[in-house]
């Protein structure tokens, strides 16, 4: 089964995306900010990361840039 990590500070959007992906048959985990998302990514294997771009703490582009450098 494919694993997806969803990172979004908007709880309603995060829950909506999680439900939609689970309904489509994916395993889903979610984080409310980029830092927590990175911690989850370090602990688990994901096939796809879906992230909001504008968030407090750590923006989505910063998270994506870090992941692309560390996991090319």
PDB file of N, CA and C in Angstrom:
ATOM      1  N   UNK A   1       0.842  -1.180   0.000  1.00  0.00           N
ATOM      2  CA  UNK A   1       0.000   0.000   0.000  1.00  0.00           C
ATOM      3  C   UNK A   1       0.888   1.243   0.000  1.00  0.00           C
ATOM      4  N   UNK A   2       0.461   2.276  -0.662  1.00  0.00           N
ATOM      5  CA  UNK A   2       1.196   3.537  -0.739  1.00  0.00           C
ATOM      6  C   UNK A   2       0.954   4.370   0.514  1.00  0.00           C
ATOM      7  N   UNK A   3       2.028   4.980   1.002  1.00  0.00           N
ATOM      8  CA  UNK A   3       1.957   5.806   2.207  1.00  0.00           C
ATOM      9  C   UNK A   3       2.106   7.273   1.845  1.00  0.00           C
ATOM     10  N   UNK A   4       1.231   8.099   2.410  1.00  0.00           N
ATOM     11  CA  UNK A   4       1.235   9.531   2.136  1.00  0.00           C
ATOM     12  C   UNK A   4       1.372  10.296   3.445  1.00  0.00           C
ATOM     13  N   UNK A   5       2.190  11.339   3.415  1.00  0.00           N
ATOM     14  CA  UNK A   5       2.318  12.266   4.536  1.00  0.00           C
ATOM     15  C   UNK A   5       1.695  13.587   4.111  1.00  0.00           C
ATOM     16  N   UNK A   6       0.733  14.061   4.890  1.00  0.00           N
ATOM     17  CA  UNK A   6       0.077  15.336   4.621  1.00  0.00           C
ATOM     18  C   UNK A   6       0.499  16.327   5.697  1.00  0.00           C
ATOM     19  N   UNK A   7       0.996  17.484   5.264  1.00  0.00           N
ATOM     20  CA  UNK A   7       1.437  18.528   6.186  1.00  0.00           C
ATOM     21  C   UNK A   7       0.621  19.783   5.896  1.00  0.00           C
ATOM     22  N   UNK A   8      -0.185  20.190   6.857  1.00  0.00           N
ATOM     23  CA  UNK A   8      -1.011  21.391   6.683  1.00  0.00           C
ATOM     24  C   UNK A   8      -1.396  21.916   8.056  1.00  0.00           C
ATOM     25  N   UNK A   9      -1.263  23.222   8.247  1.00  0.00           N
ATOM     26  CA  UNK A   9      -1.606  23.816   9.533  1.00  0.00           C
ATOM     27  C   UNK A   9      -3.107  24.025   9.685  1.00  0.00           C
ATOM     28  N   UNK A  10      -3.846  23.983   8.601  1.00  0.00           N
ATOM     29  CA  UNK A  10      -5.301  24.139   8.634  1.00  0.00           C
ATOM     30  C   UNK A  10      -5.929  22.774   8.936  1.00  0.00           C
ATOM     31  N   UNK A  11      -6.466  22.642  10.131  1.00  0.00           N
ATOM     32  CA  UNK A  11      -6.986  21.348  10.574  1.00  0.00           C
ATOM     33  C   UNK A  11      -8.083  20.810   9.659  1.00  0.00           C
ATOM     34  N   UNK A  12      -8.977  21.671   9.217  1.00  0.00           N
ATOM     35  CA  UNK A  12     -10.062  21.212   8.341  1.00  0.00           C
ATOM     36  C   UNK A  12      -9.521  20.690   7.015  1.00  0.00           C
ATOM     37  N   UNK A  13      -8.581  21.397   6.420  1.00  0.00           N
ATOM     38  CA  UNK A  13      -7.992  20.959   5.154  1.00  0.00           C
ATOM     39  C   UNK A  13      -7.210  19.668   5.345  1.00  0.00           C
ATOM     40  N   UNK A  14      -6.453  19.590   6.439  1.00  0.00           N
ATOM     41  CA  UNK A  14      -5.672  18.391   6.739  1.00  0.00           C
ATOM     42  C   UNK A  14      -6.591  17.180   6.873  1.00  0.00           C
ATOM     43  N   UNK A  15      -7.687  17.341   7.616  1.00  0.00           N
ATOM     44  CA  UNK A  15      -8.627  16.237   7.801  1.00  0.00           C
ATOM     45  C   UNK A  15      -9.311  15.854   6.496  1.00  0.00           C
ATOM     46  N   UNK A  16      -9.680  16.839   5.688  1.00  0.00           N
ATOM     47  CA  UNK A  16     -10.312  16.574   4.400  1.00  0.00           C
ATOM     48  C   UNK A  16      -9.381  15.783   3.486  1.00  0.00           C
ATOM     49  N   UNK A  17      -8.129  16.219   3.393  1.00  0.00           N
ATOM     50  CA  UNK A  17      -7.158  15.511   2.562  1.00  0.00           C
ATOM     51  C   UNK A  17      -6.914  14.093   3.068  1.00  0.00           C
ATOM     52  N   UNK A  18      -6.817  13.940   4.373  1.00  0.00           N
ATOM     53  CA  UNK A  18      -6.612  12.607   4.951  1.00  0.00           C
ATOM     54  C   UNK A  18      -7.768  11.681   4.596  1.00  0.00           C
ATOM     55  N   UNK A  19      -8.977  12.154   4.797  1.00  0.00           N
ATOM     56  CA  UNK A  19     -10.147  11.317   4.497  1.00  0.00           C
ATOM     57  C   UNK A  19     -10.206  10.954   3.017  1.00  0.00           C
ATOM     58  N   UNK A  20      -9.935  11.915   2.150  1.00  0.00           N
ATOM     59  CA  UNK A  20      -9.976  11.657   0.708  1.00  0.00           C
ATOM     60  C   UNK A  20      -8.927  10.629   0.299  1.00  0.00           C
ATOM     61  N   UNK A  21      -7.731  10.753   0.833  1.00  0.00           N
ATOM     62  CA  UNK A  21      -6.664   9.814   0.480  1.00  0.00           C
ATOM     63  C   UNK A  21      -6.926   8.425   1.062  1.00  0.00           C
ATOM     64  N   UNK A  22      -7.443   8.368   2.277  1.00  0.00           N
ATOM     65  CA  UNK A  22      -7.791   7.077   2.877  1.00  0.00           C
ATOM     66  C   UNK A  22      -8.911   6.407   2.090  1.00  0.00           C
ATOM     67  N   UNK A  23      -9.895   7.177   1.663  1.00  0.00           N
ATOM     68  CA  UNK A  23     -10.997   6.649   0.858  1.00  0.00           C
ATOM     69  C   UNK A  23     -10.468   6.070  -0.457  1.00  0.00           C
ATOM     70  N   UNK A  24      -9.410   6.683  -0.993  1.00  0.00           N
ATOM     71  CA  UNK A  24      -8.797   6.216  -2.238  1.00  0.00           C
ATOM     72  C   UNK A  24      -7.890   5.008  -2.012  1.00  0.00           C
ATOM     73  N   UNK A  25      -7.737   4.591  -0.747  1.00  0.00           N
ATOM     74  CA  UNK A  25      -6.977   3.383  -0.452  1.00  0.00           C
ATOM     75  C   UNK A  25      -5.547   3.585   0.000  1.00  0.00           C
ATOM     76  N   UNK A  26      -5.187   4.803   0.354  1.00  0.00           N
ATOM     77  CA  UNK A  26      -3.828   5.075   0.801  1.00  0.00           C
ATOM     78  C   UNK A  26      -3.726   5.033   2.320  1.00  0.00           C
ATOM     79  N   UNK A  27      -2.531   4.688   2.810  1.00  0.00           N
ATOM     80  CA  UNK A  27      -2.203   4.842   4.226  1.00  0.00           C
ATOM     81  C   UNK A  27      -1.785   6.301   4.393  1.00  0.00           C
ATOM     82  N   UNK A  28      -2.323   6.983   5.394  1.00  0.00           N
ATOM     83  CA  UNK A  28      -2.066   8.418   5.534  1.00  0.00           C
ATOM     84  C   UNK A  28      -1.668   8.758   6.965  1.00  0.00           C
ATOM     85  N   UNK A  29      -0.656   9.623   7.080  1.00  0.00           N
ATOM     86  CA  UNK A  29      -0.321  10.245   8.355  1.00  0.00           C
ATOM     87  C   UNK A  29      -0.303  11.743   8.112  1.00  0.00           C
ATOM     88  N   UNK A  30      -0.512  12.509   9.168  1.00  0.00           N
ATOM     89  CA  UNK A  30      -0.606  13.953   9.007  1.00  0.00           C
ATOM     90  C   UNK A  30       0.172  14.684  10.089  1.00  0.00           C
ATOM     91  N   UNK A  31       0.620  15.877   9.713  1.00  0.00           N
ATOM     92  CA  UNK A  31       1.329  16.755  10.639  1.00  0.00           C
ATOM     93  C   UNK A  31       0.776  18.163  10.480  1.00  0.00           C
ATOM     94  N   UNK A  32       0.760  18.902  11.589  1.00  0.00           N
ATOM     95  CA  UNK A  32       0.218  20.260  11.584  1.00  0.00           C
ATOM     96  C   UNK A  32       1.247  21.317  11.202  1.00  0.00           C
ATOM     97  N   UNK A  33       2.523  20.935  11.104  1.00  0.00           N
ATOM     98  CA  UNK A  33       3.548  21.886  10.675  1.00  0.00           C
ATOM     99  C   UNK A  33       4.725  21.140  10.065  1.00  0.00           C
ATOM    100  N   UNK A  34       5.590  21.896   9.388  1.00  0.00           N
ATOM    101  CA  UNK A  34       6.713  21.297   8.686  1.00  0.00           C
ATOM    102  C   UNK A  34       7.690  20.568   9.586  1.00  0.00           C
ATOM    103  N   UNK A  35       7.928  21.090  10.751  1.00  0.00           N
ATOM    104  CA  UNK A  35       8.882  20.437  11.663  1.00  0.00           C
ATOM    105  C   UNK A  35       8.384  19.066  12.105  1.00  0.00           C
ATOM    106  N   UNK A  36       7.107  18.994  12.466  1.00  0.00           N
ATOM    107  CA  UNK A  36       6.552  17.695  12.845  1.00  0.00           C
ATOM    108  C   UNK A  36       6.534  16.767  11.632  1.00  0.00           C
ATOM    109  N   UNK A  37       6.242  17.316  10.467  1.00  0.00           N
ATOM    110  CA  UNK A  37       6.260  16.518   9.244  1.00  0.00           C
ATOM    111  C   UNK A  37       7.628  15.918   8.983  1.00  0.00           C
ATOM    112  N   UNK A  38       8.684  16.708   9.182  1.00  0.00           N
ATOM    113  CA  UNK A  38      10.040  16.192   8.991  1.00  0.00           C
ATOM    114  C   UNK A  38      10.361  15.093   9.990  1.00  0.00           C
ATOM    115  N   UNK A  39       9.910  15.253  11.234  1.00  0.00           N
ATOM    116  CA  UNK A  39      10.131  14.201  12.237  1.00  0.00           C
ATOM    117  C   UNK A  39       9.442  12.906  11.811  1.00  0.00           C
ATOM    118  N   UNK A  40       8.207  13.017  11.346  1.00  0.00           N
ATOM    119  CA  UNK A  40       7.494  11.828  10.879  1.00  0.00           C
ATOM    120  C   UNK A  40       8.211  11.204   9.686  1.00  0.00           C
ATOM    121  N   UNK A  41       8.702  12.037   8.772  1.00  0.00           N
ATOM    122  CA  UNK A  41       9.389  11.534   7.593  1.00  0.00           C
ATOM    123  C   UNK A  41      10.653  10.782   7.981  1.00  0.00           C
ATOM    124  N   UNK A  42      11.350  11.253   9.005  1.00  0.00           N
ATOM    125  CA  UNK A  42      12.564  10.577   9.479  1.00  0.00           C
ATOM    126  C   UNK A  42      12.244   9.208  10.073  1.00  0.00           C
ATOM    127  N   UNK A  43      11.049   9.061  10.654  1.00  0.00           N
ATOM    128  CA  UNK A  43      10.672   7.825  11.344  1.00  0.00           C
ATOM    129  C   UNK A  43       9.982   6.805  10.443  1.00  0.00           C
ATOM    130  N   UNK A  44       9.441   7.239   9.312  1.00  0.00           N
ATOM    131  CA  UNK A  44       8.628   6.371   8.465  1.00  0.00           C
ATOM    132  C   UNK A  44       8.986   6.560   6.998  1.00  0.00           C
ATOM    133  N   UNK A  45       8.573   5.608   6.185  1.00  0.00           N
ATOM    134  CA  UNK A  45       8.781   5.710   4.738  1.00  0.00           C
ATOM    135  C   UNK A  45       7.482   6.180   4.085  1.00  0.00           C
ATOM    136  N   UNK A  46       7.575   7.225   3.276  1.00  0.00           N
ATOM    137  CA  UNK A  46       6.406   7.747   2.567  1.00  0.00           C
ATOM    138  C   UNK A  46       6.692   7.763   1.075  1.00  0.00           C
ATOM    139  N   UNK A  47       5.667   7.485   0.305  1.00  0.00           N
ATOM    140  CA  UNK A  47       5.780   7.532  -1.145  1.00  0.00           C
ATOM    141  C   UNK A  47       5.471   8.922  -1.688  1.00  0.00           C
ATOM    142  N   UNK A  48       4.742   9.707  -0.902  1.00  0.00           N
ATOM    143  CA  UNK A  48       4.319  11.030  -1.351  1.00  0.00           C
ATOM    144  C   UNK A  48       4.146  11.948  -0.151  1.00  0.00           C
ATOM    145  N   UNK A  49       4.554  13.196  -0.319  1.00  0.00           N
ATOM    146  CA  UNK A  49       4.318  14.227   0.694  1.00  0.00           C
ATOM    147  C   UNK A  49       3.468  15.315   0.051  1.00  0.00           C
ATOM    148  N   UNK A  50       2.354  15.639   0.697  1.00  0.00           N
ATOM    149  CA  UNK A  50       1.500  16.746   0.269  1.00  0.00           C
ATOM    150  C   UNK A  50       1.594  17.796   1.362  1.00  0.00           C
ATOM    151  N   UNK A  51       2.024  19.005   0.989  1.00  0.00           N
ATOM    152  CA  UNK A  51       2.203  20.035   2.007  1.00  0.00           C
ATOM    153  C   UNK A  51       1.601  21.371   1.584  1.00  0.00           C
ATOM    154  N   UNK A  52       1.080  22.066   2.559  1.00  0.00           N
ATOM    155  CA  UNK A  52       0.668  23.455   2.376  1.00  0.00           C
ATOM    156  C   UNK A  52       1.951  24.258   2.182  1.00  0.00           C
ATOM    157  N   UNK A  53       1.896  25.330   1.438  1.00  0.00           N
ATOM    158  CA  UNK A  53       3.099  26.123   1.217  1.00  0.00           C
ATOM    159  C   UNK A  53       3.301  27.210   2.256  1.00  0.00           C
ATOM    160  N   UNK A  54       2.214  27.789   2.757  1.00  0.00           N
ATOM    161  CA  UNK A  54       2.334  28.891   3.712  1.00  0.00           C
ATOM    162  C   UNK A  54       1.838  28.426   5.077  1.00  0.00           C
ATOM    163  N   UNK A  55       2.790  28.250   5.994  1.00  0.00           N
ATOM    164  CA  UNK A  55       2.473  27.784   7.346  1.00  0.00           C
ATOM    165  C   UNK A  55       3.377  28.503   8.336  1.00  0.00           C
ATOM    166  N   UNK A  56       2.931  28.627   9.586  1.00  0.00           N
ATOM    167  CA  UNK A  56       3.825  29.166  10.620  1.00  0.00           C
ATOM    168  C   UNK A  56       4.896  28.125  10.959  1.00  0.00           C
ATOM    169  N   UNK A  57       5.874  28.525  11.687  1.00  0.00           N
ATOM    170  CA  UNK A  57       6.974  27.653  12.116  1.00  0.00           C
ATOM    171  C   UNK A  57       7.923  27.363  10.957  1.00  0.00           C
ATOM    172  N   UNK A  58       7.479  26.567   9.990  1.00  0.00           N
ATOM    173  CA  UNK A  58       8.319  26.196   8.853  1.00  0.00           C
ATOM    174  C   UNK A  58       7.434  26.090   7.622  1.00  0.00           C
ATOM    175  N   UNK A  59       7.727  26.888   6.621  1.00  0.00           N
ATOM    176  CA  UNK A  59       6.902  26.917   5.416  1.00  0.00           C
ATOM    177  C   UNK A  59       7.087  25.649   4.584  1.00  0.00           C
ATOM    178  N   UNK A  60       6.107  25.387   3.757  1.00  0.00           N
ATOM    179  CA  UNK A  60       6.124  24.188   2.928  1.00  0.00           C
ATOM    180  C   UNK A  60       7.309  24.117   1.982  1.00  0.00           C
ATOM    181  N   UNK A  61       7.685  25.241   1.361  1.00  0.00           N
ATOM    182  CA  UNK A  61       8.830  25.231   0.443  1.00  0.00           C
ATOM    183  C   UNK A  61      10.122  24.897   1.172  1.00  0.00           C
ATOM    184  N   UNK A  62      10.255  25.376   2.386  1.00  0.00           N
ATOM    185  CA  UNK A  62      11.433  25.050   3.200  1.00  0.00           C
ATOM    186  C   UNK A  62      11.459  23.548   3.490  1.00  0.00           C
ATOM    187  N   UNK A  63      10.313  22.988   3.793  1.00  0.00           N
ATOM    188  CA  UNK A  63      10.201  21.553   4.065  1.00  0.00           C
ATOM    189  C   UNK A  63      10.539  20.744   2.816  1.00  0.00           C
ATOM    190  N   UNK A  64       9.980  21.133   1.682  1.00  0.00           N
ATOM    191  CA  UNK A  64      10.239  20.426   0.424  1.00  0.00           C
ATOM    192  C   UNK A  64      11.715  20.506   0.051  1.00  0.00           C
ATOM    193  N   UNK A  65      12.304  21.688   0.181  1.00  0.00           N
ATOM    194  CA  UNK A  65      13.719  21.864  -0.146  1.00  0.00           C
ATOM    195  C   UNK A  65      14.588  20.955   0.711  1.00  0.00           C
ATOM    196  N   UNK A  66      14.308  20.894   2.006  1.00  0.00           N
ATOM    197  CA  UNK A  66      15.074  20.033   2.905  1.00  0.00           C
ATOM    198  C   UNK A  66      14.942  18.566   2.490  1.00  0.00           C
ATOM    199  N   UNK A  67      13.718  18.123   2.233  1.00  0.00           N
ATOM    200  CA  UNK A  67      13.493  16.721   1.863  1.00  0.00           C
ATOM    201  C   UNK A  67      14.179  16.369   0.547  1.00  0.00           C
ATOM    202  N   UNK A  68      14.138  17.267  -0.416  1.00  0.00           N
ATOM    203  CA  UNK A  68      14.761  16.988  -1.716  1.00  0.00           C
ATOM    204  C   UNK A  68      16.279  16.903  -1.602  1.00  0.00           C
ATOM    205  N   UNK A  69      16.871  17.705  -0.717  1.00  0.00           N
ATOM    206  CA  UNK A  69      18.320  17.647  -0.526  1.00  0.00           C
ATOM    207  C   UNK A  69      18.729  16.379   0.214  1.00  0.00           C
ATOM    208  N   UNK A  70      17.974  16.039   1.248  1.00  0.00           N
ATOM    209  CA  UNK A  70      18.342  14.893   2.075  1.00  0.00           C
ATOM    210  C   UNK A  70      17.958  13.561   1.434  1.00  0.00           C
ATOM    211  N   UNK A  71      16.878  13.541   0.684  1.00  0.00           N
ATOM    212  CA  UNK A  71      16.376  12.313   0.058  1.00  0.00           C
ATOM    213  C   UNK A  71      16.147  12.555  -1.435  1.00  0.00           C
ATOM    214  N   UNK A  72      17.228  12.627  -2.213  1.00  0.00           N
ATOM    215  CA  UNK A  72      17.087  12.956  -3.644  1.00  0.00           C
ATOM    216  C   UNK A  72      16.311  11.965  -4.420  1.00  0.00           C
TER     217      UNK A  72
END
